[in-house]
Amino acid sequence: MQLLTDILGFLKSLSQIDLLLYFSVVVLIILLVSLFYIIKNEEEMESPVNNEKEEMEELKNIVSDIENSKPPVLELTDYEAEQEEKAIISYEELLAKKDSGSITYEEETNDEVSIKKVNVDALEKPSKNKKSVVFYNYEREEEFLKKLKALNELLN
């Protein structure tokens, strides 16, 4: 508190010319500090060209390391390997199987649960008199899409 009163007393004892000189010195110091800061930043701005070249070299090295590295060996169990082989099917195979027939079920009933066994050996050939089952409905899909868009708008 005493320091504050001393500073105020010192400032009151100064004349207007003295105050002008002190404040001009303070402004000059602030300008010099900002000038040094700008000069320092300009030097750092010139060096990023070298940094960019170094970063590009590092990126090229990383890319070449990735390209030259061997992919990790996956250790699959027998079941996983079998599923991996069976899971991959081409579009042409799907189209070929589309017309091969439909799956029939051998119905086995238990006292409590009805069990249906797939009869893969006796695939039914598609007949023209059978009604084709439509699993989609465009109106319902459009309504669902509208609801999804409305939900997206609510979330955003």
Protein backbone atom coordinates (compact mmCIF):
# COMPACT_ATOMS: atom_id res chain seq x y z
CA MET A 1 0.00 0.00 0.00
CA GLN A 2 2.85 2.34 0.89
CA LEU A 3 4.48 1.63 -2.46
CA LEU A 4 1.33 2.68 -4.28
CA THR A 5 1.15 5.99 -2.44
CA ASP A 6 4.85 6.63 -3.12
CA ILE A 7 4.35 6.01 -6.85
CA LEU A 8 1.34 8.33 -6.94
CA GLY A 9 3.27 11.00 -5.06
CA PHE A 10 6.17 10.68 -7.51
CA LEU A 11 3.84 11.00 -10.51
CA LYS A 12 2.14 14.08 -9.01
CA SER A 13 5.50 15.78 -8.47
CA LEU A 14 6.43 15.45 -12.17
CA SER A 15 5.62 18.19 -14.62
CA GLN A 16 3.74 17.61 -17.86
CA ILE A 17 6.94 17.55 -19.91
CA ASP A 18 8.46 14.93 -17.60
CA LEU A 19 5.34 12.77 -17.86
CA LEU A 20 5.44 13.07 -21.64
CA LEU A 21 9.09 11.99 -21.73
CA TYR A 22 8.51 9.01 -19.39
CA PHE A 23 5.51 7.78 -21.35
CA SER A 24 7.33 8.26 -24.65
CA VAL A 25 10.22 6.13 -23.31
CA VAL A 26 7.74 3.41 -22.26
CA VAL A 27 6.10 3.48 -25.72
CA LEU A 28 9.56 3.32 -27.35
CA ILE A 29 10.47 0.26 -25.26
CA ILE A 30 7.19 -1.45 -26.26
CA LEU A 31 7.86 -0.68 -29.92
CA LEU A 32 11.41 -2.06 -29.71
CA VAL A 33 10.20 -5.28 -28.08
CA SER A 34 7.52 -5.74 -30.74
CA LEU A 35 10.13 -5.03 -33.48
CA PHE A 36 12.44 -7.72 -32.09
CA TYR A 37 9.51 -10.11 -31.90
CA ILE A 38 8.60 -9.47 -35.56
CA ILE A 39 12.21 -9.92 -36.69
CA LYS A 40 12.48 -13.18 -34.77
CA ASN A 41 9.26 -14.48 -36.36
CA GLU A 42 10.49 -13.55 -39.84
CA GLU A 43 13.63 -15.61 -39.30
CA GLU A 44 11.49 -18.55 -38.24
CA MET A 45 9.25 -18.05 -41.28
CA GLU A 46 12.25 -18.29 -43.63
CA SER A 47 13.44 -21.59 -42.16
CA PRO A 48 10.23 -23.61 -42.75
CA VAL A 49 11.32 -24.12 -46.35
CA ASN A 50 14.14 -26.25 -45.01
CA ASN A 51 11.76 -27.83 -42.51
CA GLU A 52 9.32 -28.65 -45.29
CA LYS A 53 12.08 -30.30 -47.29
CA GLU A 54 13.11 -32.33 -44.26
CA GLU A 55 9.49 -33.28 -43.57
CA MET A 56 9.00 -34.33 -47.19
CA GLU A 57 12.12 -36.50 -46.98
CA GLU A 58 10.84 -38.05 -43.75
CA LEU A 59 7.46 -38.71 -45.37
CA LYS A 60 9.11 -40.29 -48.41
CA ASN A 61 11.16 -42.51 -46.10
CA ILE A 62 8.04 -43.53 -44.18
CA VAL A 63 6.17 -44.31 -47.41
CA SER A 64 9.06 -46.38 -48.75
CA ASP A 65 9.30 -48.23 -45.42
CA ILE A 66 5.59 -49.02 -45.55
CA GLU A 67 5.79 -50.18 -49.16
CA ASN A 68 8.82 -52.37 -48.46
CA SER A 69 7.49 -53.88 -45.26
CA LYS A 70 5.85 -57.26 -45.37
CA PRO A 71 2.23 -57.51 -44.29
CA PRO A 72 1.78 -59.18 -40.93
CA VAL A 73 1.08 -62.87 -41.04
CA LEU A 74 -2.34 -63.69 -39.68
CA GLU A 75 -2.54 -66.84 -37.68
CA LEU A 76 -5.99 -68.24 -38.33
CA THR A 77 -7.54 -71.22 -36.69
CA ASP A 78 -8.85 -73.98 -38.93
CA TYR A 79 -12.41 -72.74 -38.51
CA GLU A 80 -11.43 -69.15 -39.34
CA ALA A 81 -9.51 -70.27 -42.43
CA GLU A 82 -12.49 -72.31 -43.61
CA GLN A 83 -14.84 -69.37 -43.06
CA GLU A 84 -12.45 -67.04 -44.85
CA GLU A 85 -12.39 -69.33 -47.89
CA LYS A 86 -16.17 -69.75 -47.93
CA ALA A 87 -16.98 -66.10 -47.28
CA ILE A 88 -15.43 -64.71 -50.42
CA ILE A 89 -17.90 -64.91 -53.28
CA SER A 90 -17.91 -62.97 -56.47
CA TYR A 91 -20.79 -61.06 -57.96
CA GLU A 92 -20.87 -63.48 -60.89
CA GLU A 93 -21.25 -66.42 -58.51
CA LEU A 94 -24.13 -64.65 -56.79
CA LEU A 95 -25.85 -64.04 -60.11
CA ALA A 96 -25.33 -67.68 -61.11
CA LYS A 97 -26.79 -68.94 -57.84
CA LYS A 98 -29.72 -66.56 -58.05
CA ASP A 99 -31.52 -68.70 -60.61
CA SER A 100 -30.43 -72.05 -59.23
CA GLY A 101 -33.49 -72.47 -57.05
CA SER A 102 -34.77 -71.86 -53.60
CA ILE A 103 -34.02 -73.57 -50.33
CA THR A 104 -36.49 -76.03 -48.90
CA TYR A 105 -36.82 -76.98 -45.29
CA GLU A 106 -37.29 -80.37 -43.68
CA GLU A 107 -39.50 -79.63 -40.77
CA GLU A 108 -38.71 -81.46 -37.58
CA THR A 109 -40.95 -80.81 -34.66
CA ASN A 110 -40.06 -81.17 -31.08
CA ASP A 111 -42.60 -81.09 -28.29
CA GLU A 112 -41.54 -77.60 -27.28
CA VAL A 113 -39.77 -76.08 -30.28
CA SER A 114 -40.34 -76.28 -34.03
CA ILE A 115 -37.03 -76.95 -35.77
CA LYS A 116 -36.51 -76.49 -39.49
CA LYS A 117 -33.60 -78.21 -41.17
CA VAL A 118 -32.36 -76.79 -44.48
CA ASN A 119 -32.49 -79.30 -47.31
CA VAL A 120 -29.54 -78.18 -49.43
CA ASP A 121 -29.43 -81.31 -51.58
CA ALA A 122 -32.89 -80.82 -53.01
CA LEU A 123 -32.87 -77.26 -54.17
CA GLU A 124 -36.13 -76.29 -55.79
CA LYS A 125 -36.00 -74.99 -59.29
CA PRO A 126 -37.82 -71.71 -59.62
CA SER A 127 -41.14 -72.18 -61.26
CA LYS A 128 -43.15 -69.62 -63.13
CA ASN A 129 -46.37 -70.31 -61.27
CA LYS A 130 -44.83 -69.55 -57.87
CA LYS A 131 -45.28 -66.09 -56.55
CA SER A 132 -42.06 -64.19 -56.03
CA VAL A 133 -41.68 -62.76 -52.59
CA VAL A 134 -40.91 -59.07 -52.48
CA PHE A 135 -38.88 -58.16 -49.44
CA TYR A 136 -38.91 -54.44 -50.01
CA ASN A 137 -41.50 -51.77 -50.32
CA TYR A 138 -40.50 -48.50 -51.92
CA GLU A 139 -43.01 -46.42 -50.01
CA ARG A 140 -41.81 -47.77 -46.70
CA GLU A 141 -38.19 -47.22 -47.74
CA GLU A 142 -38.92 -43.61 -48.74
CA GLU A 143 -40.72 -43.02 -45.43
CA PHE A 144 -37.78 -44.55 -43.56
CA LEU A 145 -35.35 -42.33 -45.49
CA LYS A 146 -37.40 -39.23 -44.61
CA LYS A 147 -37.36 -40.22 -40.95
CA LEU A 148 -33.59 -40.72 -41.09
CA LYS A 149 -33.13 -37.27 -42.64
CA ALA A 150 -35.33 -35.71 -39.96
CA LEU A 151 -33.34 -37.49 -37.26
CA ASN A 152 -30.10 -36.27 -38.83
CA GLU A 153 -31.40 -32.69 -38.82
CA LEU A 154 -32.39 -33.02 -35.17
CA LEU A 155 -28.95 -34.34 -34.28
CA ASN A 156 -27.17 -31.58 -36.15
